[in-house]
Amino acid sequence: MNSLSEDQLQNYEQAVAFIKGVENPFKLKPSRVVELVSKEIPNFNMTLHTKCWKFYEARPRETDKSYKGEYSAYVEGFDGYLYSMKWVKFLRGELKEDGKLAQVKMQAI
């Protein structure tokens, strides 16, 4: 790396930044989603999270190892679904809307 010119070094750093930017966005376990959402939505818990992903169809109800959606994806090493910050942001905004939280709470598990 020490032998790279200024331009080459800048290109290298941009490439690393790009790669980091496209790394897997699905990193959040359901418990972390609950923790993050509950900071803005009091009493948000795991049961409510389960109702949310079913209500908004954030992931399949059955295990689909090839699934990769907007808010969640099946992750092989984790052997389950992990969620993105986009899902957290969506829930924080969506559940503040009038009546949405009550609608989700009425869902069967």
C-alpha atoms as a PDB file:
ATOM      1  CA  MET A   1       0.000   0.000   0.000  1.00  0.00           C
ATOM      2  CA  ASN A   2       2.878   2.347   0.686  1.00  0.00           C
ATOM      3  CA  SER A   3       3.844   2.206  -2.983  1.00  0.00           C
ATOM      4  CA  LEU A   4       0.467   3.515  -4.184  1.00  0.00           C
ATOM      5  CA  SER A   5       0.273   6.973  -5.677  1.00  0.00           C
ATOM      6  CA  GLU A   6      -2.128   9.554  -4.192  1.00  0.00           C
ATOM      7  CA  ASP A   7      -4.683   8.799  -6.947  1.00  0.00           C
ATOM      8  CA  GLN A   8      -4.372   5.041  -6.474  1.00  0.00           C
ATOM      9  CA  LEU A   9      -4.742   5.401  -2.719  1.00  0.00           C
ATOM     10  CA  GLN A  10      -7.840   7.560  -3.157  1.00  0.00           C
ATOM     11  CA  ASN A  11      -9.328   5.008  -5.581  1.00  0.00           C
ATOM     12  CA  TYR A  12      -8.544   2.211  -3.138  1.00  0.00           C
ATOM     13  CA  GLU A  13     -10.224   4.081  -0.271  1.00  0.00           C
ATOM     14  CA  GLN A  14     -13.289   4.813  -2.433  1.00  0.00           C
ATOM     15  CA  ALA A  15     -13.524   1.125  -3.378  1.00  0.00           C
ATOM     16  CA  VAL A  16     -13.352   0.073   0.276  1.00  0.00           C
ATOM     17  CA  ALA A  17     -16.036   2.622   1.172  1.00  0.00           C
ATOM     18  CA  PHE A  18     -18.213   1.334  -1.675  1.00  0.00           C
ATOM     19  CA  ILE A  19     -17.809  -2.282  -0.576  1.00  0.00           C
ATOM     20  CA  LYS A  20     -18.675  -1.364   3.006  1.00  0.00           C
ATOM     21  CA  GLY A  21     -21.722   0.506   1.711  1.00  0.00           C
ATOM     22  CA  VAL A  22     -23.071  -2.574  -0.037  1.00  0.00           C
ATOM     23  CA  GLU A  23     -22.388  -5.038   2.727  1.00  0.00           C
ATOM     24  CA  ASN A  24     -25.317  -7.066   4.010  1.00  0.00           C
ATOM     25  CA  PRO A  25     -27.851  -4.662   5.565  1.00  0.00           C
ATOM     26  CA  PHE A  26     -29.592  -7.501   7.412  1.00  0.00           C
ATOM     27  CA  LYS A  27     -27.784  -7.616  10.733  1.00  0.00           C
ATOM     28  CA  LEU A  28     -30.396  -7.054  13.416  1.00  0.00           C
ATOM     29  CA  LYS A  29     -31.758  -9.913  15.489  1.00  0.00           C
ATOM     30  CA  PRO A  30     -35.439  -9.563  16.418  1.00  0.00           C
ATOM     31  CA  SER A  31     -34.435  -8.704  20.012  1.00  0.00           C
ATOM     32  CA  ARG A  32     -32.319  -5.784  18.744  1.00  0.00           C
ATOM     33  CA  VAL A  33     -35.229  -4.549  16.588  1.00  0.00           C
ATOM     34  CA  VAL A  34     -37.458  -4.611  19.691  1.00  0.00           C
ATOM     35  CA  GLU A  35     -34.821  -2.719  21.679  1.00  0.00           C
ATOM     36  CA  LEU A  36     -34.447  -0.012  19.005  1.00  0.00           C
ATOM     37  CA  VAL A  37     -38.146   0.428  18.247  1.00  0.00           C
ATOM     38  CA  SER A  38     -39.127   0.518  21.934  1.00  0.00           C
ATOM     39  CA  LYS A  39     -37.045   3.677  22.359  1.00  0.00           C
ATOM     40  CA  GLU A  40     -39.727   5.522  20.377  1.00  0.00           C
ATOM     41  CA  ILE A  41     -42.733   3.221  20.746  1.00  0.00           C
ATOM     42  CA  PRO A  42     -43.244   2.502  24.465  1.00  0.00           C
ATOM     43  CA  ASN A  43     -44.186  -1.091  25.363  1.00  0.00           C
ATOM     44  CA  PHE A  44     -43.016  -2.434  21.992  1.00  0.00           C
ATOM     45  CA  ASN A  45     -42.081  -6.053  22.675  1.00  0.00           C
ATOM     46  CA  MET A  46     -41.252  -9.336  20.913  1.00  0.00           C
ATOM     47  CA  THR A  47     -44.913 -10.341  20.591  1.00  0.00           C
ATOM     48  CA  LEU A  48     -45.676  -7.015  18.937  1.00  0.00           C
ATOM     49  CA  HIS A  49     -42.674  -7.426  16.636  1.00  0.00           C
ATOM     50  CA  THR A  50     -43.974 -10.833  15.534  1.00  0.00           C
ATOM     51  CA  LYS A  51     -47.376  -9.298  14.841  1.00  0.00           C
ATOM     52  CA  CYS A  52     -45.690  -6.500  12.869  1.00  0.00           C
ATOM     53  CA  TRP A  53     -43.686  -8.710  10.535  1.00  0.00           C
ATOM     54  CA  LYS A  54     -46.808 -10.771   9.863  1.00  0.00           C
ATOM     55  CA  PHE A  55     -49.070  -7.711   9.422  1.00  0.00           C
ATOM     56  CA  TYR A  56     -46.644  -5.942   7.066  1.00  0.00           C
ATOM     57  CA  GLU A  57     -45.453  -9.190   5.468  1.00  0.00           C
ATOM     58  CA  ALA A  58     -41.842  -8.259   6.177  1.00  0.00           C
ATOM     59  CA  ARG A  59     -40.840 -11.893   5.699  1.00  0.00           C
ATOM     60  CA  PRO A  60     -42.427 -15.251   4.849  1.00  0.00           C
ATOM     61  CA  ARG A  61     -44.233 -17.158   7.595  1.00  0.00           C
ATOM     62  CA  GLU A  62     -42.523 -20.363   6.502  1.00  0.00           C
ATOM     63  CA  THR A  63     -38.743 -20.759   6.388  1.00  0.00           C
ATOM     64  CA  ASP A  64     -37.472 -19.780   2.946  1.00  0.00           C
ATOM     65  CA  LYS A  65     -33.677 -19.976   2.918  1.00  0.00           C
ATOM     66  CA  SER A  66     -33.489 -18.005  -0.330  1.00  0.00           C
ATOM     67  CA  TYR A  67     -35.642 -15.107   0.909  1.00  0.00           C
ATOM     68  CA  LYS A  68     -34.206 -11.604   0.790  1.00  0.00           C
ATOM     69  CA  GLY A  69     -36.707  -8.778   1.016  1.00  0.00           C
ATOM     70  CA  GLU A  70     -36.748  -5.077   1.670  1.00  0.00           C
ATOM     71  CA  TYR A  71     -36.800  -5.381   5.469  1.00  0.00           C
ATOM     72  CA  SER A  72     -35.488  -8.857   6.234  1.00  0.00           C
ATOM     73  CA  ALA A  73     -33.578 -11.789   4.840  1.00  0.00           C
ATOM     74  CA  TYR A  74     -32.875 -15.365   5.790  1.00  0.00           C
ATOM     75  CA  VAL A  75     -29.262 -15.550   6.932  1.00  0.00           C
ATOM     76  CA  GLU A  76     -27.560 -18.935   6.671  1.00  0.00           C
ATOM     77  CA  GLY A  77     -25.067 -18.651   9.551  1.00  0.00           C
ATOM     78  CA  PHE A  78     -27.784 -17.349  11.856  1.00  0.00           C
ATOM     79  CA  ASP A  79     -30.294 -19.966  10.612  1.00  0.00           C
ATOM     80  CA  GLY A  80     -33.115 -17.488  10.755  1.00  0.00           C
ATOM     81  CA  TYR A  81     -34.302 -14.087   9.664  1.00  0.00           C
ATOM     82  CA  LEU A  82     -32.393 -10.910  10.429  1.00  0.00           C
ATOM     83  CA  TYR A  83     -33.702  -7.391   9.897  1.00  0.00           C
ATOM     84  CA  SER A  84     -32.374  -4.111   8.524  1.00  0.00           C
ATOM     85  CA  MET A  85     -32.324  -0.617  10.026  1.00  0.00           C
ATOM     86  CA  LYS A  86     -34.812   0.236   7.275  1.00  0.00           C
ATOM     87  CA  TRP A  87     -37.305  -2.049   9.080  1.00  0.00           C
ATOM     88  CA  VAL A  88     -36.643  -0.285  12.391  1.00  0.00           C
ATOM     89  CA  LYS A  89     -37.179   3.125  10.774  1.00  0.00           C
ATOM     90  CA  PHE A  90     -40.326   1.912   9.032  1.00  0.00           C
ATOM     91  CA  LEU A  91     -41.818   0.619  12.295  1.00  0.00           C
ATOM     92  CA  ARG A  92     -40.907   3.763  14.220  1.00  0.00           C
ATOM     93  CA  GLY A  93     -42.745   5.909  11.683  1.00  0.00           C
ATOM     94  CA  GLU A  94     -45.610   3.572  10.883  1.00  0.00           C
ATOM     95  CA  LEU A  95     -46.608   2.764  14.465  1.00  0.00           C
ATOM     96  CA  LYS A  96     -46.851   6.458  15.372  1.00  0.00           C
ATOM     97  CA  GLU A  97     -49.689   6.912  12.870  1.00  0.00           C
ATOM     98  CA  ASP A  98     -53.187   7.036  14.359  1.00  0.00           C
ATOM     99  CA  GLY A  99     -54.728   3.620  14.775  1.00  0.00           C
ATOM    100  CA  LYS A 100     -51.852   1.631  13.244  1.00  0.00           C
ATOM    101  CA  LEU A 101     -50.584   0.227  16.542  1.00  0.00           C
ATOM    102  CA  ALA A 102     -54.102  -0.867  17.537  1.00  0.00           C
ATOM    103  CA  GLN A 103     -54.576  -2.477  14.113  1.00  0.00           C
ATOM    104  CA  VAL A 104     -51.360  -4.470  14.473  1.00  0.00           C
ATOM    105  CA  LYS A 105     -52.169  -5.472  18.068  1.00  0.00           C
ATOM    106  CA  MET A 106     -55.443  -7.039  16.895  1.00  0.00           C
ATOM    107  CA  GLN A 107     -53.519  -9.505  14.709  1.00  0.00           C
ATOM    108  CA  ALA A 108     -53.447 -13.134  15.774  1.00  0.00           C
ATOM    109  CA  ILE A 109     -50.035 -14.601  16.332  1.00  0.00           C
END
